[in-house]
N, C-alpha and C. Protein backbone atom coordinates (compact mmCIF):
# COMPACT_ATOMS: atom_id res chain seq x y z
N MET A 1 23.02 -94.22 -26.11
CA MET A 1 24.20 -94.07 -25.46
C MET A 1 24.25 -92.72 -24.91
N GLN A 2 24.70 -92.59 -23.63
CA GLN A 2 24.63 -91.14 -23.06
C GLN A 2 26.05 -90.85 -22.49
N VAL A 3 26.54 -89.70 -22.97
CA VAL A 3 27.81 -89.21 -22.54
C VAL A 3 27.68 -88.67 -21.21
N SER A 4 26.65 -87.79 -20.94
CA SER A 4 26.40 -87.28 -19.70
C SER A 4 24.80 -86.98 -19.72
N SER A 5 24.33 -87.12 -18.54
CA SER A 5 22.80 -87.12 -18.40
C SER A 5 22.18 -85.87 -18.27
N SER A 6 23.03 -84.78 -18.00
CA SER A 6 22.41 -83.45 -17.62
C SER A 6 23.09 -82.36 -18.28
N THR A 7 22.38 -81.48 -18.93
CA THR A 7 23.05 -80.16 -19.38
C THR A 7 22.23 -79.05 -18.85
N GLY A 8 21.30 -79.26 -17.81
CA GLY A 8 20.67 -78.04 -17.17
C GLY A 8 21.47 -76.94 -16.70
N VAL A 9 21.06 -75.98 -16.17
CA VAL A 9 21.83 -74.90 -15.90
C VAL A 9 22.83 -75.33 -14.71
N PHE A 10 22.41 -75.79 -13.76
CA PHE A 10 23.46 -76.48 -12.71
C PHE A 10 23.01 -78.12 -12.50
N GLY A 11 22.95 -78.62 -13.61
CA GLY A 11 22.66 -80.06 -13.40
C GLY A 11 23.92 -80.93 -13.05
N SER A 12 23.50 -82.09 -12.69
CA SER A 12 24.64 -82.97 -12.25
C SER A 12 25.32 -83.61 -13.48
N THR A 13 26.56 -83.85 -13.51
CA THR A 13 27.13 -84.47 -14.43
C THR A 13 27.71 -85.92 -13.89
N LYS A 14 27.14 -86.28 -12.70
CA LYS A 14 27.55 -87.55 -11.93
C LYS A 14 27.11 -88.78 -12.78
N GLU A 15 25.90 -88.56 -13.58
CA GLU A 15 25.29 -89.72 -14.09
C GLU A 15 25.61 -90.08 -15.39
N MET A 16 27.07 -90.26 -15.49
CA MET A 16 27.66 -90.50 -16.91
C MET A 16 27.77 -91.91 -17.15
N SER A 17 27.52 -92.29 -18.44
CA SER A 17 27.81 -93.79 -18.76
C SER A 17 28.90 -93.71 -19.62
N ALA A 18 29.65 -94.80 -19.80
CA ALA A 18 30.91 -94.85 -20.56
C ALA A 18 30.59 -94.81 -21.94
N ILE A 19 31.41 -94.17 -22.66
CA ILE A 19 31.45 -94.18 -24.11
C ILE A 19 32.03 -95.52 -24.56
N LYS A 20 31.53 -96.21 -25.57
CA LYS A 20 32.12 -97.54 -26.03
C LYS A 20 33.59 -97.11 -26.53
N PRO A 21 34.47 -98.13 -25.91
CA PRO A 21 35.85 -97.95 -26.30
C PRO A 21 36.00 -98.16 -27.75
N LEU A 22 36.64 -97.43 -28.54
CA LEU A 22 36.85 -97.70 -29.97
C LEU A 22 37.60 -98.75 -30.17
N PHE A 23 38.52 -99.28 -29.45
CA PHE A 23 39.31 -100.48 -29.76
C PHE A 23 38.69 -101.74 -29.64
N THR A 24 37.38 -101.69 -29.14
CA THR A 24 36.71 -102.91 -28.68
C THR A 24 35.49 -103.19 -29.49
N GLU A 25 34.81 -102.14 -29.89
CA GLU A 25 33.54 -102.03 -30.54
C GLU A 25 33.54 -101.03 -31.60
N LYS A 26 32.88 -101.07 -32.68
CA LYS A 26 32.69 -100.13 -33.61
C LYS A 26 31.50 -99.37 -33.18
N LEU A 27 31.49 -98.20 -33.56
CA LEU A 27 30.28 -97.27 -33.29
C LEU A 27 29.53 -96.97 -34.69
N SER A 28 28.21 -97.02 -34.66
CA SER A 28 27.48 -96.66 -35.82
C SER A 28 27.55 -95.38 -36.04
N LYS A 29 27.19 -94.93 -37.35
CA LYS A 29 27.04 -93.35 -37.63
C LYS A 29 26.21 -92.70 -36.76
N ASP A 30 25.05 -93.22 -36.33
CA ASP A 30 24.08 -92.56 -35.56
C ASP A 30 24.75 -92.42 -34.15
N GLU A 31 25.59 -93.41 -33.64
CA GLU A 31 26.12 -93.31 -32.26
C GLU A 31 27.25 -92.23 -32.29
N VAL A 32 27.93 -92.18 -33.36
CA VAL A 32 28.95 -91.03 -33.40
C VAL A 32 28.23 -89.56 -33.45
N GLN A 33 27.21 -89.66 -34.12
CA GLN A 33 26.55 -88.22 -34.19
C GLN A 33 25.96 -87.95 -32.83
N GLU A 34 25.41 -88.95 -32.23
CA GLU A 34 24.75 -88.82 -30.85
C GLU A 34 25.89 -88.30 -29.89
N ILE A 35 27.00 -88.99 -29.85
CA ILE A 35 28.17 -88.50 -28.95
C ILE A 35 28.69 -87.20 -29.31
N LYS A 36 28.76 -86.95 -30.57
CA LYS A 36 29.21 -85.61 -31.02
C LYS A 36 28.06 -84.55 -30.47
N GLU A 37 26.82 -84.74 -30.55
CA GLU A 37 25.92 -83.81 -29.96
C GLU A 37 26.02 -83.61 -28.50
N GLN A 38 26.00 -84.88 -27.72
CA GLN A 38 26.06 -84.74 -26.31
C GLN A 38 27.47 -83.98 -25.94
N ILE A 39 28.62 -84.16 -26.61
CA ILE A 39 29.87 -83.51 -26.16
C ILE A 39 29.56 -82.09 -26.26
N LYS A 40 28.97 -81.54 -27.47
CA LYS A 40 28.54 -80.19 -27.85
C LYS A 40 27.71 -79.62 -26.60
N GLN A 41 26.67 -80.40 -26.16
CA GLN A 41 25.68 -79.90 -25.22
C GLN A 41 26.41 -79.91 -23.83
N ASN A 42 27.19 -80.82 -23.49
CA ASN A 42 27.91 -80.99 -22.20
C ASN A 42 29.01 -79.83 -22.03
N ALA A 43 29.59 -79.57 -23.17
CA ALA A 43 30.54 -78.31 -23.24
C ALA A 43 29.98 -77.19 -23.04
N ASN A 44 28.83 -77.00 -23.72
CA ASN A 44 27.97 -75.76 -23.46
C ASN A 44 27.65 -75.65 -22.05
N ALA A 45 27.21 -76.65 -21.43
CA ALA A 45 26.73 -76.73 -20.00
C ALA A 45 27.86 -76.33 -19.12
N ILE A 46 28.97 -77.01 -19.20
CA ILE A 46 30.12 -76.72 -18.30
C ILE A 46 30.67 -75.31 -18.41
N THR A 47 30.70 -74.81 -19.76
CA THR A 47 31.00 -73.41 -20.07
C THR A 47 30.03 -72.40 -19.28
N PHE A 48 28.91 -72.60 -19.50
CA PHE A 48 27.72 -71.89 -19.03
C PHE A 48 27.84 -71.70 -17.46
N ASN A 49 27.91 -72.98 -17.05
CA ASN A 49 27.99 -73.00 -15.49
C ASN A 49 29.22 -72.36 -14.94
N SER A 50 30.30 -72.69 -15.58
CA SER A 50 31.62 -71.98 -14.99
C SER A 50 31.56 -70.47 -15.10
N ALA A 51 31.17 -69.94 -16.30
CA ALA A 51 30.96 -68.53 -16.43
C ALA A 51 30.14 -67.97 -15.52
N SER A 52 29.01 -68.54 -15.34
CA SER A 52 28.00 -67.94 -14.42
C SER A 52 28.47 -67.89 -12.93
N ILE A 53 29.13 -68.93 -12.56
CA ILE A 53 29.96 -68.89 -11.18
C ILE A 53 30.77 -67.86 -11.09
N GLN A 54 31.71 -67.83 -12.08
CA GLN A 54 32.80 -66.77 -12.08
C GLN A 54 32.27 -65.48 -11.88
N GLY A 55 31.19 -65.09 -12.72
CA GLY A 55 30.52 -63.82 -12.79
C GLY A 55 29.91 -63.48 -11.48
N ALA A 56 29.15 -64.59 -10.92
CA ALA A 56 28.39 -64.33 -9.54
C ALA A 56 29.38 -64.08 -8.41
N ILE A 57 30.60 -64.83 -8.42
CA ILE A 57 31.44 -64.61 -7.48
C ILE A 57 32.41 -63.17 -7.58
N ALA A 58 32.76 -62.88 -8.87
CA ALA A 58 33.48 -61.82 -9.13
C ALA A 58 32.64 -60.50 -9.02
N GLY A 59 31.34 -60.60 -9.38
CA GLY A 59 30.51 -59.43 -9.22
C GLY A 59 29.86 -59.39 -7.83
N GLY A 60 30.18 -60.13 -6.95
CA GLY A 60 29.75 -60.12 -5.59
C GLY A 60 28.17 -60.47 -5.52
N LYS A 61 27.57 -61.21 -6.40
CA LYS A 61 26.27 -61.61 -6.33
C LYS A 61 26.23 -62.89 -5.69
N ASN A 62 25.89 -63.01 -4.49
CA ASN A 62 25.79 -64.33 -3.87
C ASN A 62 24.33 -64.87 -3.64
N ASP A 63 23.40 -64.27 -4.27
CA ASP A 63 22.15 -64.63 -4.14
C ASP A 63 21.69 -65.39 -5.38
N PHE A 64 21.99 -66.67 -5.48
CA PHE A 64 21.73 -67.61 -6.51
C PHE A 64 20.27 -67.89 -6.46
N LYS A 65 19.59 -68.02 -7.77
CA LYS A 65 18.12 -68.29 -7.84
C LYS A 65 17.95 -69.73 -8.13
N GLN A 66 19.09 -70.39 -8.59
CA GLN A 66 18.81 -71.89 -8.98
C GLN A 66 18.61 -72.73 -7.71
N GLU A 67 18.10 -73.75 -7.97
CA GLU A 67 17.94 -74.68 -6.84
C GLU A 67 19.23 -75.03 -6.16
N TYR A 68 19.21 -74.62 -4.83
CA TYR A 68 20.53 -74.58 -4.00
C TYR A 68 21.20 -75.99 -4.15
N ASP A 69 20.43 -77.19 -4.02
CA ASP A 69 20.81 -78.50 -4.01
C ASP A 69 21.57 -78.86 -5.39
N ASP A 70 21.02 -78.36 -6.54
CA ASP A 70 21.48 -78.55 -7.77
C ASP A 70 22.86 -77.85 -8.03
N PHE A 71 22.88 -76.71 -7.48
CA PHE A 71 24.12 -75.86 -7.40
C PHE A 71 25.13 -76.55 -6.58
N GLN A 72 24.79 -77.04 -5.51
CA GLN A 72 25.84 -77.61 -4.70
C GLN A 72 26.41 -78.92 -5.43
N THR A 73 25.58 -79.64 -6.07
CA THR A 73 25.84 -80.80 -6.74
C THR A 73 26.91 -80.56 -7.84
N PHE A 74 26.48 -79.46 -8.59
CA PHE A 74 27.46 -79.00 -9.78
C PHE A 74 28.88 -78.71 -9.18
N LEU A 75 28.86 -77.94 -8.07
CA LEU A 75 30.10 -77.57 -7.44
C LEU A 75 31.07 -78.97 -7.07
N LYS A 76 30.30 -79.93 -6.49
CA LYS A 76 30.99 -81.03 -6.14
C LYS A 76 31.40 -81.84 -7.26
N ASP A 77 30.59 -81.87 -8.42
CA ASP A 77 30.96 -82.57 -9.55
C ASP A 77 32.32 -81.91 -10.22
N ILE A 78 32.55 -80.75 -10.01
CA ILE A 78 33.76 -80.05 -10.63
C ILE A 78 34.80 -80.13 -9.58
N GLY A 79 34.70 -80.59 -8.49
CA GLY A 79 35.64 -80.85 -7.39
C GLY A 79 35.80 -79.67 -6.37
N TYR A 80 34.72 -78.82 -6.38
CA TYR A 80 34.74 -77.78 -5.21
C TYR A 80 34.15 -78.38 -3.95
N ASN A 81 34.76 -78.32 -2.87
CA ASN A 81 34.47 -78.93 -1.68
C ASN A 81 34.58 -77.79 -0.54
N GLY A 82 34.86 -76.51 -0.95
CA GLY A 82 34.84 -75.35 -0.15
C GLY A 82 33.69 -74.89 0.83
N LYS A 83 33.58 -73.80 1.30
CA LYS A 83 32.66 -73.12 2.00
C LYS A 83 31.55 -72.91 0.79
N PRO A 84 30.36 -72.85 1.37
CA PRO A 84 29.31 -72.60 0.45
C PRO A 84 29.49 -71.21 -0.15
N ILE A 85 29.17 -70.90 -1.30
CA ILE A 85 29.40 -69.80 -2.02
C ILE A 85 28.68 -68.56 -1.52
N ALA A 86 27.46 -68.96 -1.18
CA ALA A 86 26.68 -67.68 -0.56
C ALA A 86 27.13 -67.29 0.81
N LYS A 87 28.05 -67.99 1.52
CA LYS A 87 28.49 -67.70 2.75
C LYS A 87 29.96 -67.15 2.77
N LEU A 88 30.53 -67.03 1.59
CA LEU A 88 31.84 -66.37 1.52
C LEU A 88 31.83 -64.93 1.96
N SER A 89 33.03 -64.68 2.52
CA SER A 89 33.28 -63.16 2.89
C SER A 89 33.90 -62.68 1.48
N LYS A 90 34.03 -61.36 1.43
CA LYS A 90 34.58 -60.78 0.28
C LYS A 90 35.98 -61.17 0.00
N GLU A 91 36.71 -61.35 1.11
CA GLU A 91 38.05 -61.87 0.93
C GLU A 91 38.21 -63.26 0.42
N GLU A 92 37.29 -64.27 0.92
CA GLU A 92 37.32 -65.50 0.57
C GLU A 92 36.89 -65.69 -0.91
N ALA A 93 35.80 -64.89 -1.25
CA ALA A 93 35.40 -64.92 -2.72
C ALA A 93 36.65 -64.31 -3.60
N ALA A 94 37.30 -63.27 -3.29
CA ALA A 94 38.46 -62.78 -4.07
C ALA A 94 39.49 -63.89 -4.10
N GLU A 95 39.82 -64.72 -3.11
CA GLU A 95 40.78 -65.76 -3.11
C GLU A 95 40.31 -66.87 -4.20
N LEU A 96 38.99 -67.21 -4.23
CA LEU A 96 38.57 -68.14 -5.07
C LEU A 96 38.72 -67.77 -6.62
N VAL A 97 38.46 -66.36 -6.82
CA VAL A 97 38.67 -65.94 -8.43
C VAL A 97 39.99 -65.47 -8.61
N SER A 98 40.87 -65.56 -7.69
CA SER A 98 42.34 -65.01 -7.86
C SER A 98 42.86 -65.94 -8.97
N GLU A 99 43.95 -65.56 -9.56
CA GLU A 99 44.74 -66.37 -10.45
C GLU A 99 44.98 -67.86 -10.28
N ASP A 100 45.25 -68.11 -9.04
CA ASP A 100 45.49 -69.52 -8.66
C ASP A 100 44.26 -70.12 -7.77
N GLY A 101 43.18 -69.39 -7.70
CA GLY A 101 41.93 -69.81 -7.00
C GLY A 101 41.21 -70.96 -7.74
N PHE A 102 40.35 -71.62 -7.16
CA PHE A 102 39.75 -72.77 -7.68
C PHE A 102 38.81 -72.24 -8.81
N PHE A 103 38.04 -70.98 -8.64
CA PHE A 103 37.32 -70.39 -9.73
C PHE A 103 38.13 -69.31 -10.54
N GLY A 104 39.44 -69.23 -10.54
CA GLY A 104 40.32 -68.28 -11.13
C GLY A 104 40.58 -68.73 -12.84
N ILE A 105 40.91 -67.93 -13.48
CA ILE A 105 41.14 -68.21 -14.78
C ILE A 105 41.98 -69.53 -15.21
N SER A 106 42.96 -69.76 -14.53
CA SER A 106 43.80 -70.76 -14.82
C SER A 106 42.98 -72.19 -14.62
N GLN A 107 42.47 -72.33 -13.21
CA GLN A 107 41.89 -73.66 -12.95
C GLN A 107 40.44 -73.89 -13.89
N THR A 108 39.83 -72.72 -14.04
CA THR A 108 38.57 -72.79 -14.73
C THR A 108 38.68 -73.11 -15.92
N SER A 109 39.68 -72.44 -16.69
CA SER A 109 39.78 -72.68 -18.29
C SER A 109 40.20 -74.20 -18.42
N GLN A 110 41.14 -74.59 -17.51
CA GLN A 110 41.82 -76.00 -17.58
C GLN A 110 40.62 -77.01 -17.47
N ARG A 111 39.73 -76.91 -16.53
CA ARG A 111 38.42 -77.71 -16.35
C ARG A 111 37.70 -77.81 -17.66
N ILE A 112 37.36 -76.63 -18.23
CA ILE A 112 36.57 -76.50 -19.44
C ILE A 112 37.19 -77.30 -20.54
N ALA A 113 38.54 -76.83 -20.90
CA ALA A 113 39.20 -77.32 -21.99
C ALA A 113 39.56 -79.00 -21.65
N ASP A 114 39.75 -79.38 -20.51
CA ASP A 114 39.96 -80.73 -20.21
C ASP A 114 38.65 -81.60 -20.59
N PHE A 115 37.63 -80.96 -20.26
CA PHE A 115 36.28 -81.63 -20.57
C PHE A 115 36.13 -81.86 -22.01
N VAL A 116 36.41 -80.83 -22.90
CA VAL A 116 36.27 -81.04 -24.21
C VAL A 116 37.31 -81.98 -24.72
N ILE A 117 38.54 -81.87 -24.48
CA ILE A 117 39.72 -82.54 -24.88
C ILE A 117 39.46 -84.05 -24.57
N ASN A 118 39.22 -84.32 -23.29
CA ASN A 118 38.85 -85.70 -22.95
C ASN A 118 37.69 -86.34 -23.58
N GLY A 119 36.65 -85.59 -23.80
CA GLY A 119 35.56 -86.05 -24.52
C GLY A 119 35.60 -86.36 -26.00
N ALA A 120 36.67 -85.55 -26.55
CA ALA A 120 36.67 -85.58 -28.03
C ALA A 120 37.71 -86.73 -28.38
N GLY A 121 38.64 -87.12 -27.42
CA GLY A 121 39.64 -88.12 -27.72
C GLY A 121 40.49 -87.69 -28.87
N LYS A 122 40.44 -88.33 -30.04
CA LYS A 122 41.11 -87.99 -31.01
C LYS A 122 40.48 -87.68 -32.37
N ASP A 123 39.00 -87.35 -32.08
CA ASP A 123 38.14 -87.26 -33.11
C ASP A 123 37.95 -85.69 -33.30
N GLU A 124 38.26 -85.51 -34.65
CA GLU A 124 38.13 -83.94 -35.10
C GLU A 124 36.70 -83.44 -34.81
N GLU A 125 35.78 -84.34 -35.35
CA GLU A 125 34.36 -83.78 -35.18
C GLU A 125 33.87 -83.55 -33.90
N ARG A 126 34.35 -84.27 -32.77
CA ARG A 126 33.92 -84.18 -31.50
C ARG A 126 34.72 -83.03 -30.98
N PHE A 127 35.90 -82.77 -31.44
CA PHE A 127 36.65 -81.33 -30.88
C PHE A 127 35.75 -80.22 -31.41
N ARG A 128 35.32 -80.18 -32.64
CA ARG A 128 34.53 -79.21 -33.15
C ARG A 128 33.30 -78.86 -32.46
N ALA A 129 32.76 -80.17 -32.11
CA ALA A 129 31.38 -79.87 -31.30
C ALA A 129 31.64 -79.31 -29.80
N GLY A 130 32.68 -79.80 -29.38
CA GLY A 130 32.91 -79.42 -27.90
C GLY A 130 33.53 -77.99 -27.99
N ARG A 131 34.23 -77.45 -28.87
CA ARG A 131 34.57 -76.08 -29.02
C ARG A 131 33.30 -75.25 -29.29
N GLU A 132 32.42 -75.68 -30.24
CA GLU A 132 31.15 -74.92 -30.46
C GLU A 132 30.30 -74.83 -29.08
N GLY A 133 30.30 -75.98 -28.29
CA GLY A 133 29.52 -76.03 -27.30
C GLY A 133 30.02 -74.93 -26.15
N MET A 134 31.39 -74.92 -26.20
CA MET A 134 32.00 -73.85 -25.09
C MET A 134 31.65 -72.48 -25.53
N ILE A 135 31.56 -72.23 -26.71
CA ILE A 135 31.30 -70.87 -27.29
C ILE A 135 29.90 -70.53 -26.95
N GLN A 136 29.07 -71.49 -27.29
CA GLN A 136 27.55 -71.28 -27.18
C GLN A 136 27.37 -71.14 -25.64
N GLY A 137 28.00 -71.92 -24.80
CA GLY A 137 27.67 -71.78 -23.32
C GLY A 137 28.02 -70.52 -22.89
N PHE A 138 29.14 -69.87 -23.40
CA PHE A 138 29.76 -68.59 -22.98
C PHE A 138 28.55 -67.47 -23.35
N LYS A 139 28.07 -67.58 -24.65
CA LYS A 139 26.95 -66.66 -25.09
C LYS A 139 25.87 -66.84 -24.15
N GLU A 140 25.34 -67.95 -23.99
CA GLU A 140 24.34 -68.13 -23.01
C GLU A 140 24.41 -67.35 -21.55
N ALA A 141 25.65 -67.71 -21.10
CA ALA A 141 25.96 -67.20 -19.86
C ALA A 141 25.70 -65.55 -19.87
N GLU A 142 26.39 -64.99 -21.03
CA GLU A 142 26.22 -63.49 -21.31
C GLU A 142 24.77 -62.96 -21.40
N GLU A 143 24.01 -63.93 -21.95
CA GLU A 143 22.62 -63.51 -22.05
C GLU A 143 22.03 -63.55 -20.78
N MET A 144 22.22 -64.54 -20.04
CA MET A 144 21.70 -64.62 -18.64
C MET A 144 22.17 -63.49 -17.82
N TRP A 145 23.41 -62.95 -17.94
CA TRP A 145 24.11 -61.97 -17.25
C TRP A 145 23.38 -60.51 -17.57
N GLY A 146 22.95 -60.52 -18.79
CA GLY A 146 22.40 -59.37 -19.19
C GLY A 146 23.28 -58.27 -19.97
N GLY A 147 24.32 -59.00 -20.56
CA GLY A 147 25.35 -58.19 -21.31
C GLY A 147 26.74 -58.88 -21.17
N LYS A 148 27.92 -58.23 -21.31
CA LYS A 148 29.41 -58.75 -21.35
C LYS A 148 29.48 -59.19 -19.82
N LEU A 149 29.91 -60.46 -19.80
CA LEU A 149 30.47 -61.05 -18.58
C LEU A 149 31.67 -60.40 -17.93
N PRO A 150 32.05 -60.34 -16.62
CA PRO A 150 32.94 -59.85 -16.13
C PRO A 150 34.46 -60.23 -16.93
N GLU A 151 35.56 -59.45 -16.90
CA GLU A 151 36.79 -59.95 -17.66
C GLU A 151 37.24 -61.12 -17.37
N ILE A 152 37.13 -61.50 -15.97
CA ILE A 152 37.59 -62.98 -15.71
C ILE A 152 37.08 -64.03 -16.56
N SER A 153 35.64 -63.94 -16.76
CA SER A 153 35.09 -64.85 -17.63
C SER A 153 35.60 -64.85 -18.96
N GLN A 154 35.56 -63.58 -19.54
CA GLN A 154 36.16 -63.40 -20.85
C GLN A 154 37.50 -64.11 -20.93
N LYS A 155 38.30 -63.87 -20.09
CA LYS A 155 39.91 -64.33 -20.20
C LYS A 155 39.82 -65.85 -20.05
N THR A 156 38.78 -66.42 -19.04
CA THR A 156 38.73 -67.78 -19.06
C THR A 156 38.33 -68.43 -20.31
N MET A 157 37.32 -67.90 -21.05
CA MET A 157 36.88 -68.58 -22.21
C MET A 157 38.03 -68.47 -23.37
N ASP A 158 38.59 -67.35 -23.34
CA ASP A 158 39.84 -67.25 -24.36
C ASP A 158 40.88 -68.22 -24.19
N ARG A 159 41.16 -68.40 -22.78
CA ARG A 159 42.32 -69.44 -22.53
C ARG A 159 41.66 -70.92 -22.73
N ALA A 160 40.51 -71.23 -22.44
CA ALA A 160 39.96 -72.46 -22.60
C ALA A 160 39.91 -72.78 -24.22
N ILE A 161 39.65 -71.68 -24.93
CA ILE A 161 39.71 -71.97 -26.43
C ILE A 161 40.88 -72.11 -27.07
N GLU A 162 41.97 -71.42 -26.46
CA GLU A 162 43.41 -71.73 -26.85
C GLU A 162 43.79 -73.13 -26.61
N MET A 163 43.48 -73.58 -25.36
CA MET A 163 43.90 -74.82 -25.09
C MET A 163 43.29 -75.95 -25.93
N VAL A 164 41.87 -75.68 -26.28
CA VAL A 164 41.41 -76.78 -27.07
C VAL A 164 41.90 -76.50 -28.62
N ASP A 165 42.07 -75.38 -29.23
CA ASP A 165 42.86 -75.19 -30.49
C ASP A 165 44.22 -75.92 -30.47
N LYS A 166 44.93 -75.70 -29.35
CA LYS A 166 46.28 -76.12 -29.41
C LYS A 166 46.12 -77.76 -29.39
N ALA A 167 45.23 -78.21 -28.56
CA ALA A 167 45.15 -79.75 -28.79
C ALA A 167 44.76 -80.26 -30.11
N MET A 168 43.89 -79.40 -30.59
CA MET A 168 43.55 -79.71 -32.05
C MET A 168 44.74 -79.68 -33.04
N TYR A 169 45.46 -78.69 -32.84
CA TYR A 169 46.58 -78.41 -33.83
C TYR A 169 47.66 -79.47 -33.66
N ASP A 170 47.75 -79.74 -32.36
CA ASP A 170 48.82 -80.90 -31.97
C ASP A 170 48.41 -82.36 -32.68
N LEU A 171 47.13 -82.54 -32.89
CA LEU A 171 46.48 -83.70 -33.37
C LEU A 171 46.57 -83.53 -35.09
N GLY A 172 46.91 -82.40 -35.55
CA GLY A 172 47.08 -82.21 -36.97
C GLY A 172 45.69 -81.74 -37.57
N PHE A 173 44.73 -81.17 -36.76
CA PHE A 173 43.60 -80.66 -37.07
C PHE A 173 43.61 -79.03 -37.47
N SER A 174 43.25 -78.51 -38.38
CA SER A 174 43.03 -77.17 -38.63
C SER A 174 42.15 -76.58 -37.59
N ILE A 175 42.50 -75.52 -37.05
CA ILE A 175 41.51 -74.77 -36.09
C ILE A 175 40.45 -74.16 -36.80
N LEU A 176 40.49 -73.96 -38.14
CA LEU A 176 39.63 -73.36 -38.87
C LEU A 176 38.61 -74.48 -39.25
N ASP A 177 37.33 -73.99 -39.39
CA ASP A 177 36.21 -74.92 -39.81
C ASP A 177 36.26 -75.00 -41.36
N GLU A 178 36.68 -76.02 -41.73
CA GLU A 178 36.94 -76.07 -43.29
C GLU A 178 35.55 -76.44 -44.11
N GLU A 179 34.41 -76.49 -43.34
CA GLU A 179 33.08 -76.60 -44.06
C GLU A 179 32.76 -75.22 -44.32
N VAL A 180 33.20 -74.23 -43.70
CA VAL A 180 32.60 -72.74 -43.88
C VAL A 180 33.03 -72.25 -45.17
């Protein structure tokens, strides 16, 4: 069972297959573990990709080294249909990362949080896996960046974590990992 087929740097998330509906089929323990791991990996990938894009745009780095087609596919998968990133003027780039811009804190954190929340459903373990994947993706983006990411990416991550934590709290889950 595959939740999403790719967790590469700018891999496509188009090749998703459906998760078994819980109300029609029971999942085996192995299937639940597999879904949990895939949610973690996919949350990691979407966070890493989002933070990388924000950092590149905010930092004025328009010379992406990843394969252009994969990058464009990722952008389409998350709903971006604007001008190619490498061809943006400084003003256009600033608009994209503005508070209300497509790659601004509000919209990007919402996309990341929605991915985890929708993938987790009402399952606490999936929430924890997705939250862990978000944090790991952010750390990997920092490593790739060579240090702290721009403030926009840090604020985006904080807001996405807050949204996931609130969704967990609303479902009655502690936001603290009780296994620790």
